[in-house]
């Protein structure tokens, strides 16, 4: 998505509830608070002066995020539709979230 406004609108089209429509966070960025169709809440961030996560592969940096949900199929449909993520199944039923060429998290029930 090009910006937080477009991402929030797309999330709503995909079945999410926009709990807080996009708003400016001073000059740091623009964000929205969203609840996905399975009930998980997250924020959409559009960077301005604060780029957000820019460090990877170092101690203390965010390295992985999981979503545990009762409706894996619906979550898979939502997040791949919103962010374009590929979800790759493991033998255990766990889904790896792939953003571009990097695995960034997982989805499980």
Protein backbone atom coordinates (compact mmCIF):
# COMPACT_ATOMS: atom_id res chain seq x y z
CA UNK A 1 0.00 0.00 0.00
CA UNK A 2 1.14 3.51 -0.73
CA UNK A 3 0.00 4.95 2.60
CA UNK A 4 -1.90 4.33 5.85
CA UNK A 5 -5.16 5.67 4.43
CA UNK A 6 -5.09 3.23 1.50
CA UNK A 7 -4.07 0.34 3.76
CA UNK A 8 -6.88 1.02 6.26
CA UNK A 9 -9.42 1.24 3.45
CA UNK A 10 -8.14 -2.03 1.94
CA UNK A 11 -8.23 -3.72 5.36
CA UNK A 12 -11.90 -2.73 5.71
CA UNK A 13 -12.66 -4.10 2.22
CA UNK A 14 -11.08 -7.39 3.31
CA UNK A 15 -13.35 -7.62 6.37
CA UNK A 16 -11.39 -5.83 9.09
CA UNK A 17 -12.81 -3.30 11.51
CA UNK A 18 -10.96 0.02 11.52
CA UNK A 19 -10.98 0.87 15.24
CA UNK A 20 -9.16 4.18 14.76
CA UNK A 21 -9.07 5.71 11.29
CA UNK A 22 -5.69 6.99 10.05
CA UNK A 23 -4.30 9.92 12.03
CA UNK A 24 -1.03 11.82 12.21
CA UNK A 25 1.36 11.06 15.05
CA UNK A 26 2.97 14.49 15.21
CA UNK A 27 5.62 14.51 12.44
CA UNK A 28 6.68 10.91 13.19
CA UNK A 29 4.20 9.18 10.92
CA UNK A 30 0.61 8.29 10.24
CA UNK A 31 -1.17 5.29 11.71
CA UNK A 32 -4.46 3.44 12.00
CA UNK A 33 -5.64 0.82 14.50
CA UNK A 34 -7.29 -2.21 12.91
CA UNK A 35 -8.93 -5.42 14.09
CA UNK A 36 -8.58 -8.23 11.58
CA UNK A 37 -11.56 -10.48 10.76
CA UNK A 38 -10.37 -13.05 13.34
CA UNK A 39 -10.22 -10.50 16.18
CA UNK A 40 -6.47 -9.72 16.28
CA UNK A 41 -5.61 -6.04 16.66
CA UNK A 42 -2.66 -4.34 15.02
CA UNK A 43 -1.51 -0.91 13.82
CA UNK A 44 -0.75 0.21 10.30
CA UNK A 45 2.23 2.58 10.20
CA UNK A 46 3.21 5.05 7.50
CA UNK A 47 6.65 6.43 8.30
CA UNK A 48 7.48 10.12 8.18
CA UNK A 49 10.22 11.40 10.52
CA UNK A 50 10.27 8.07 12.40
CA UNK A 51 11.04 5.22 10.03
CA UNK A 52 10.07 2.52 12.52
CA UNK A 53 11.89 -0.80 12.44
CA UNK A 54 15.13 -0.31 10.56
CA UNK A 55 17.45 -2.67 12.39
CA UNK A 56 17.53 -6.38 11.62
CA UNK A 57 19.83 -9.22 12.52
CA UNK A 58 21.18 -7.56 15.68
CA UNK A 59 20.67 -8.43 19.33
CA UNK A 60 17.51 -6.82 20.68
CA UNK A 61 15.96 -6.20 17.24
CA UNK A 62 12.51 -7.51 16.32
CA UNK A 63 13.11 -10.77 14.54
CA UNK A 64 9.83 -12.70 14.35
CA UNK A 65 6.10 -12.24 14.91
CA UNK A 66 3.44 -14.91 15.29
CA UNK A 67 -0.32 -14.76 15.10
CA UNK A 68 -2.20 -17.47 16.96
CA UNK A 69 -5.80 -17.60 15.76
CA UNK A 70 -8.79 -19.93 15.77
CA UNK A 71 -9.37 -19.20 12.05
CA UNK A 72 -6.07 -19.70 10.23
CA UNK A 73 -7.72 -19.87 6.80
CA UNK A 74 -9.44 -16.50 7.26
CA UNK A 75 -6.29 -14.86 8.66
CA UNK A 76 -4.26 -16.24 5.75
CA UNK A 77 -6.72 -14.77 3.24
CA UNK A 78 -6.78 -11.40 5.02
CA UNK A 79 -3.03 -10.85 5.48
CA UNK A 80 -2.04 -12.10 2.04
CA UNK A 81 -4.73 -9.80 0.57
CA UNK A 82 -3.65 -6.80 2.62
CA UNK A 83 0.14 -7.08 2.59
CA UNK A 84 0.77 -9.47 -0.29
CA UNK A 85 2.46 -11.94 2.06
CA UNK A 86 3.03 -15.50 0.93
CA UNK A 87 2.10 -18.09 3.55
CA UNK A 88 4.05 -21.32 3.25
CA UNK A 89 2.85 -24.42 5.14
CA UNK A 90 5.18 -26.46 7.32
CA UNK A 91 4.56 -30.17 7.93
CA UNK A 92 3.19 -29.33 11.40
CA UNK A 93 0.46 -27.09 9.94
CA UNK A 94 2.29 -23.91 10.99
CA UNK A 95 2.37 -21.30 8.21
CA UNK A 96 5.53 -19.30 7.59
CA UNK A 97 4.88 -15.67 6.65
CA UNK A 98 7.12 -14.60 3.79
CA UNK A 99 7.45 -10.91 2.93
CA UNK A 100 9.43 -10.61 -0.29
CA UNK A 101 12.34 -13.01 0.18
CA UNK A 102 12.38 -12.95 4.01
CA UNK A 103 10.46 -15.07 6.48
CA UNK A 104 9.15 -12.64 9.10
CA UNK A 105 6.78 -14.69 11.24
CA UNK A 106 4.17 -17.35 11.35
CA UNK A 107 0.50 -18.19 11.64
CA UNK A 108 -0.90 -21.01 13.77
CA UNK A 109 -4.00 -22.14 15.61
